Amino acid sequence: MRVAVPRSQYVWLRTWGLRLIFFFAYAMMMLTISEQGRIIHTQQMLIRQLYQNVVELTKARLSRH
C-alpha cells in the first residue's frame, strides 16, 4: 500500500530558485570583472602619467647641474 506524499510548497524554489541564484551570481561576477577591467585601465593610465612626470623631473634636475 502506497501512502500519498504531499507535494512540498517549495517546489518552485527547488526547481527555479537555484537557477535564479546562479544567474544572479553570474551577472554580479560579470559586473565585477568589467569594473576591475576599467579600474586596471585607469591605473595603467595613471602609471603612464606618473612615469612622464618622473622623466620630466629627472630632466629638470639634470639640466640644473
PDB file of N, CA and C in Angstrom:
ATOM      1  N   MET A   1       0.839  -1.169   0.000  1.00  0.00           N
ATOM      2  CA  MET A   1       0.000   0.000   0.000  1.00  0.00           C
ATOM      3  C   MET A   1       0.895   1.246   0.000  1.00  0.00           C
ATOM      4  N   ARG A   2       0.575   2.134  -0.921  1.00  0.00           N
ATOM      5  CA  ARG A   2       1.350   3.367  -1.028  1.00  0.00           C
ATOM      6  C   ARG A   2       0.666   4.489  -0.275  1.00  0.00           C
ATOM      7  N   VAL A   3       1.508   5.307   0.343  1.00  0.00           N
ATOM      8  CA  VAL A   3       0.976   6.465   1.058  1.00  0.00           C
ATOM      9  C   VAL A   3       1.259   7.690   0.202  1.00  0.00           C
ATOM     10  N   ALA A   4       0.272   8.501  -0.009  1.00  0.00           N
ATOM     11  CA  ALA A   4       0.437   9.714  -0.805  1.00  0.00           C
ATOM     12  C   ALA A   4       1.281  10.718  -0.028  1.00  0.00           C
ATOM     13  N   VAL A   5       2.359  11.141  -0.677  1.00  0.00           N
ATOM     14  CA  VAL A   5       3.243  12.126  -0.054  1.00  0.00           C
ATOM     15  C   VAL A   5       2.830  13.499  -0.547  1.00  0.00           C
ATOM     16  N   PRO A   6       2.519  14.420   0.356  1.00  0.00           N
ATOM     17  CA  PRO A   6       2.108  15.756  -0.092  1.00  0.00           C
ATOM     18  C   PRO A   6       3.263  16.480  -0.765  1.00  0.00           C
ATOM     19  N   ARG A   7       2.910  17.184  -1.829  1.00  0.00           N
ATOM     20  CA  ARG A   7       3.943  17.949  -2.540  1.00  0.00           C
ATOM     21  C   ARG A   7       4.371  19.117  -1.684  1.00  0.00           C
ATOM     22  N   SER A   8       5.640  19.354  -1.717  1.00  0.00           N
ATOM     23  CA  SER A   8       6.178  20.444  -0.924  1.00  0.00           C
ATOM     24  C   SER A   8       5.737  21.783  -1.504  1.00  0.00           C
ATOM     25  N   GLN A   9       5.581  22.747  -0.640  1.00  0.00           N
ATOM     26  CA  GLN A   9       5.214  24.083  -1.127  1.00  0.00           C
ATOM     27  C   GLN A   9       6.420  24.814  -1.698  1.00  0.00           C
ATOM     28  N   TYR A  10       7.586  24.205  -1.585  1.00  0.00           N
ATOM     29  CA  TYR A  10       8.809  24.831  -2.077  1.00  0.00           C
ATOM     30  C   TYR A  10       9.300  24.218  -3.380  1.00  0.00           C
ATOM     31  N   VAL A  11       8.399  23.626  -4.146  1.00  0.00           N
ATOM     32  CA  VAL A  11       8.789  23.002  -5.405  1.00  0.00           C
ATOM     33  C   VAL A  11       9.363  24.040  -6.357  1.00  0.00           C
ATOM     34  N   TRP A  12       8.713  25.190  -6.468  1.00  0.00           N
ATOM     35  CA  TRP A  12       9.210  26.238  -7.366  1.00  0.00           C
ATOM     36  C   TRP A  12      10.592  26.691  -6.941  1.00  0.00           C
ATOM     37  N   LEU A  13      10.804  26.845  -5.637  1.00  0.00           N
ATOM     38  CA  LEU A  13      12.110  27.291  -5.154  1.00  0.00           C
ATOM     39  C   LEU A  13      13.189  26.275  -5.493  1.00  0.00           C
ATOM     40  N   ARG A  14      12.877  25.021  -5.336  1.00  0.00           N
ATOM     41  CA  ARG A  14      13.873  23.995  -5.650  1.00  0.00           C
ATOM     42  C   ARG A  14      14.167  23.926  -7.139  1.00  0.00           C
ATOM     43  N   THR A  15      13.183  24.122  -7.970  1.00  0.00           N
ATOM     44  CA  THR A  15      13.411  23.982  -9.401  1.00  0.00           C
ATOM     45  C   THR A  15      14.005  25.238 -10.023  1.00  0.00           C
ATOM     46  N   TRP A  16      13.472  26.397  -9.678  1.00  0.00           N
ATOM     47  CA  TRP A  16      13.923  27.628 -10.318  1.00  0.00           C
ATOM     48  C   TRP A  16      14.749  28.513  -9.401  1.00  0.00           C
ATOM     49  N   GLY A  17      14.648  28.317  -8.117  1.00  0.00           N
ATOM     50  CA  GLY A  17      15.361  29.167  -7.175  1.00  0.00           C
ATOM     51  C   GLY A  17      16.866  29.106  -7.349  1.00  0.00           C
ATOM     52  N   LEU A  18      17.402  27.897  -7.467  1.00  0.00           N
ATOM     53  CA  LEU A  18      18.851  27.770  -7.652  1.00  0.00           C
ATOM     54  C   LEU A  18      19.292  28.346  -8.989  1.00  0.00           C
ATOM     55  N   ARG A  19      18.466  28.156 -10.004  1.00  0.00           N
ATOM     56  CA  ARG A  19      18.810  28.741 -11.304  1.00  0.00           C
ATOM     57  C   ARG A  19      18.858  30.263 -11.220  1.00  0.00           C
ATOM     58  N   LEU A  20      17.913  30.861 -10.524  1.00  0.00           N
ATOM     59  CA  LEU A  20      17.911  32.315 -10.366  1.00  0.00           C
ATOM     60  C   LEU A  20      19.115  32.787  -9.560  1.00  0.00           C
ATOM     61  N   ILE A  21      19.439  32.044  -8.524  1.00  0.00           N
ATOM     62  CA  ILE A  21      20.603  32.413  -7.707  1.00  0.00           C
ATOM     63  C   ILE A  21      21.877  32.333  -8.532  1.00  0.00           C
ATOM     64  N   PHE A  22      22.041  31.258  -9.317  1.00  0.00           N
ATOM     65  CA  PHE A  22      23.237  31.130 -10.148  1.00  0.00           C
ATOM     66  C   PHE A  22      23.288  32.212 -11.220  1.00  0.00           C
ATOM     67  N   PHE A  23      22.147  32.536 -11.807  1.00  0.00           N
ATOM     68  CA  PHE A  23      22.120  33.602 -12.810  1.00  0.00           C
ATOM     69  C   PHE A  23      22.507  34.941 -12.186  1.00  0.00           C
ATOM     70  N   PHE A  24      21.972  35.235 -11.014  1.00  0.00           N
ATOM     71  CA  PHE A  24      22.304  36.483 -10.328  1.00  0.00           C
ATOM     72  C   PHE A  24      23.781  36.517  -9.972  1.00  0.00           C
ATOM     73  N   ALA A  25      24.307  35.407  -9.475  1.00  0.00           N
ATOM     74  CA  ALA A  25      25.729  35.351  -9.117  1.00  0.00           C
ATOM     75  C   ALA A  25      26.603  35.543 -10.360  1.00  0.00           C
ATOM     76  N   TYR A  26      26.203  34.939 -11.478  1.00  0.00           N
ATOM     77  CA  TYR A  26      26.961  35.092 -12.717  1.00  0.00           C
ATOM     78  C   TYR A  26      26.928  36.540 -13.204  1.00  0.00           C
ATOM     79  N   ALA A  27      25.761  37.162 -13.119  1.00  0.00           N
ATOM     80  CA  ALA A  27      25.647  38.565 -13.532  1.00  0.00           C
ATOM     81  C   ALA A  27      26.515  39.463 -12.648  1.00  0.00           C
ATOM     82  N   MET A  28      26.511  39.219 -11.355  1.00  0.00           N
ATOM     83  CA  MET A  28      27.335  40.022 -10.451  1.00  0.00           C
ATOM     84  C   MET A  28      28.821  39.790 -10.717  1.00  0.00           C
ATOM     85  N   MET A  29      29.181  38.557 -11.034  1.00  0.00           N
ATOM     86  CA  MET A  29      30.574  38.264 -11.352  1.00  0.00           C
ATOM     87  C   MET A  29      31.002  39.003 -12.620  1.00  0.00           C
ATOM     88  N   MET A  30      30.142  39.021 -13.634  1.00  0.00           N
ATOM     89  CA  MET A  30      30.472  39.717 -14.873  1.00  0.00           C
ATOM     90  C   MET A  30      30.598  41.221 -14.643  1.00  0.00           C
ATOM     91  N   LEU A  31      29.717  41.782 -13.817  1.00  0.00           N
ATOM     92  CA  LEU A  31      29.829  43.205 -13.498  1.00  0.00           C
ATOM     93  C   LEU A  31      31.126  43.496 -12.753  1.00  0.00           C
ATOM     94  N   THR A  32      31.497  42.619 -11.841  1.00  0.00           N
ATOM     95  CA  THR A  32      32.732  42.804 -11.089  1.00  0.00           C
ATOM     96  C   THR A  32      33.946  42.731 -12.010  1.00  0.00           C
ATOM     97  N   ILE A  33      33.941  41.772 -12.927  1.00  0.00           N
ATOM     98  CA  ILE A  33      35.063  41.626 -13.849  1.00  0.00           C
ATOM     99  C   ILE A  33      35.179  42.844 -14.756  1.00  0.00           C
ATOM    100  N   SER A  34      34.063  43.352 -15.249  1.00  0.00           N
ATOM    101  CA  SER A  34      34.129  44.529 -16.121  1.00  0.00           C
ATOM    102  C   SER A  34      34.589  45.760 -15.336  1.00  0.00           C
ATOM    103  N   GLU A  35      34.163  45.882 -14.097  1.00  0.00           N
ATOM    104  CA  GLU A  35      34.603  47.008 -13.263  1.00  0.00           C
ATOM    105  C   GLU A  35      36.093  46.904 -12.961  1.00  0.00           C
ATOM    106  N   GLN A  36      36.574  45.702 -12.708  1.00  0.00           N
ATOM    107  CA  GLN A  36      38.004  45.517 -12.466  1.00  0.00           C
ATOM    108  C   GLN A  36      38.803  45.882 -13.702  1.00  0.00           C
ATOM    109  N   GLY A  37      38.304  45.516 -14.872  1.00  0.00           N
ATOM    110  CA  GLY A  37      38.991  45.883 -16.113  1.00  0.00           C
ATOM    111  C   GLY A  37      39.079  47.385 -16.280  1.00  0.00           C
ATOM    112  N   ARG A  38      38.003  48.073 -15.948  1.00  0.00           N
ATOM    113  CA  ARG A  38      38.001  49.530 -16.048  1.00  0.00           C
ATOM    114  C   ARG A  38      38.999  50.136 -15.066  1.00  0.00           C
ATOM    115  N   ILE A  39      39.044  49.606 -13.861  1.00  0.00           N
ATOM    116  CA  ILE A  39      39.958  50.120 -12.843  1.00  0.00           C
ATOM    117  C   ILE A  39      41.400  49.861 -13.244  1.00  0.00           C
ATOM    118  N   ILE A  40      41.680  48.676 -13.781  1.00  0.00           N
ATOM    119  CA  ILE A  40      43.041  48.359 -14.216  1.00  0.00           C
ATOM    120  C   ILE A  40      43.463  49.299 -15.333  1.00  0.00           C
ATOM    121  N   HIS A  41      42.574  49.576 -16.270  1.00  0.00           N
ATOM    122  CA  HIS A  41      42.894  50.503 -17.363  1.00  0.00           C
ATOM    123  C   HIS A  41      43.194  51.904 -16.811  1.00  0.00           C
ATOM    124  N   THR A  42      42.396  52.350 -15.861  1.00  0.00           N
ATOM    125  CA  THR A  42      42.612  53.663 -15.250  1.00  0.00           C
ATOM    126  C   THR A  42      43.951  53.705 -14.526  1.00  0.00           C
ATOM    127  N   GLN A  43      44.298  52.632 -13.833  1.00  0.00           N
ATOM    128  CA  GLN A  43      45.578  52.587 -13.130  1.00  0.00           C
ATOM    129  C   GLN A  43      46.741  52.599 -14.108  1.00  0.00           C
ATOM    130  N   GLN A  44      46.601  51.916 -15.232  1.00  0.00           N
ATOM    131  CA  GLN A  44      47.649  51.943 -16.253  1.00  0.00           C
ATOM    132  C   GLN A  44      47.862  53.361 -16.767  1.00  0.00           C
ATOM    133  N   MET A  45      46.777  54.078 -17.012  1.00  0.00           N
ATOM    134  CA  MET A  45      46.901  55.457 -17.480  1.00  0.00           C
ATOM    135  C   MET A  45      47.586  56.322 -16.422  1.00  0.00           C
ATOM    136  N   LEU A  46      47.242  56.138 -15.165  1.00  0.00           N
ATOM    137  CA  LEU A  46      47.850  56.902 -14.086  1.00  0.00           C
ATOM    138  C   LEU A  46      49.342  56.607 -13.984  1.00  0.00           C
ATOM    139  N   ILE A  47      49.726  55.344 -14.102  1.00  0.00           N
ATOM    140  CA  ILE A  47      51.139  54.974 -14.045  1.00  0.00           C
ATOM    141  C   ILE A  47      51.902  55.618 -15.193  1.00  0.00           C
ATOM    142  N   ARG A  48      51.319  55.626 -16.383  1.00  0.00           N
ATOM    143  CA  ARG A  48      51.986  56.268 -17.528  1.00  0.00           C
ATOM    144  C   ARG A  48      52.169  57.761 -17.294  1.00  0.00           C
ATOM    145  N   GLN A  49      51.140  58.411 -16.726  1.00  0.00           N
ATOM    146  CA  GLN A  49      51.256  59.836 -16.438  1.00  0.00           C
ATOM    147  C   GLN A  49      52.326  60.099 -15.379  1.00  0.00           C
ATOM    148  N   LEU A  50      52.365  59.267 -14.357  1.00  0.00           N
ATOM    149  CA  LEU A  50      53.383  59.429 -13.317  1.00  0.00           C
ATOM    150  C   LEU A  50      54.771  59.205 -13.884  1.00  0.00           C
ATOM    151  N   TYR A  51      54.911  58.245 -14.778  1.00  0.00           N
ATOM    152  CA  TYR A  51      56.211  57.989 -15.391  1.00  0.00           C
ATOM    153  C   TYR A  51      56.667  59.212 -16.193  1.00  0.00           C
ATOM    154  N   GLN A  52      55.746  59.822 -16.937  1.00  0.00           N
ATOM    155  CA  GLN A  52      56.098  61.021 -17.688  1.00  0.00           C
ATOM    156  C   GLN A  52      56.525  62.139 -16.749  1.00  0.00           C
ATOM    157  N   ASN A  53      55.858  62.270 -15.602  1.00  0.00           N
ATOM    158  CA  ASN A  53      56.253  63.285 -14.628  1.00  0.00           C
ATOM    159  C   ASN A  53      57.639  63.015 -14.075  1.00  0.00           C
ATOM    160  N   VAL A  54      57.952  61.752 -13.835  1.00  0.00           N
ATOM    161  CA  VAL A  54      59.281  61.396 -13.332  1.00  0.00           C
ATOM    162  C   VAL A  54      60.341  61.719 -14.375  1.00  0.00           C
ATOM    163  N   VAL A  55      60.054  61.437 -15.634  1.00  0.00           N
ATOM    164  CA  VAL A  55      61.005  61.740 -16.709  1.00  0.00           C
ATOM    165  C   VAL A  55      61.246  63.245 -16.780  1.00  0.00           C
ATOM    166  N   GLU A  56      60.184  64.034 -16.720  1.00  0.00           N
ATOM    167  CA  GLU A  56      60.335  65.492 -16.765  1.00  0.00           C
ATOM    168  C   GLU A  56      61.100  66.007 -15.551  1.00  0.00           C
ATOM    169  N   LEU A  57      60.829  65.475 -14.383  1.00  0.00           N
ATOM    170  CA  LEU A  57      61.528  65.891 -13.180  1.00  0.00           C
ATOM    171  C   LEU A  57      63.007  65.539 -13.249  1.00  0.00           C
ATOM    172  N   THR A  58      63.311  64.362 -13.764  1.00  0.00           N
ATOM    173  CA  THR A  58      64.707  63.947 -13.922  1.00  0.00           C
ATOM    174  C   THR A  58      65.427  64.860 -14.914  1.00  0.00           C
ATOM    175  N   LYS A  59      64.791  65.198 -16.003  1.00  0.00           N
ATOM    176  CA  LYS A  59      65.405  66.109 -16.987  1.00  0.00           C
ATOM    177  C   LYS A  59      65.650  67.467 -16.352  1.00  0.00           C
ATOM    178  N   ALA A  60      64.695  67.949 -15.558  1.00  0.00           N
ATOM    179  CA  ALA A  60      64.865  69.253 -14.907  1.00  0.00           C
ATOM    180  C   ALA A  60      66.016  69.209 -13.902  1.00  0.00           C
ATOM    181  N   ARG A  61      66.151  68.149 -13.161  1.00  0.00           N
ATOM    182  CA  ARG A  61      67.249  68.020 -12.196  1.00  0.00           C
ATOM    183  C   ARG A  61      68.591  67.937 -12.900  1.00  0.00           C
ATOM    184  N   LEU A  62      68.659  67.196 -14.013  1.00  0.00           N
ATOM    185  CA  LEU A  62      69.922  67.069 -14.733  1.00  0.00           C
ATOM    186  C   LEU A  62      70.312  68.383 -15.406  1.00  0.00           C
ATOM    187  N   SER A  63      69.335  69.169 -15.835  1.00  0.00           N
ATOM    188  CA  SER A  63      69.670  70.423 -16.513  1.00  0.00           C
ATOM    189  C   SER A  63      70.177  71.470 -15.510  1.00  0.00           C
ATOM    190  N   ARG A  64      69.851  71.335 -14.229  1.00  0.00           N
ATOM    191  CA  ARG A  64      70.339  72.270 -13.224  1.00  0.00           C
ATOM    192  C   ARG A  64      71.817  72.076 -12.931  1.00  0.00           C
ATOM    193  N   HIS A  65      72.288  70.840 -13.028  1.00  0.00           N
ATOM    194  CA  HIS A  65      73.679  70.564 -12.646  1.00  0.00           C
ATOM    195  C   HIS A  65      74.590  70.701 -13.800  1.00  0.00           C
TER     196      HIS A  65
END
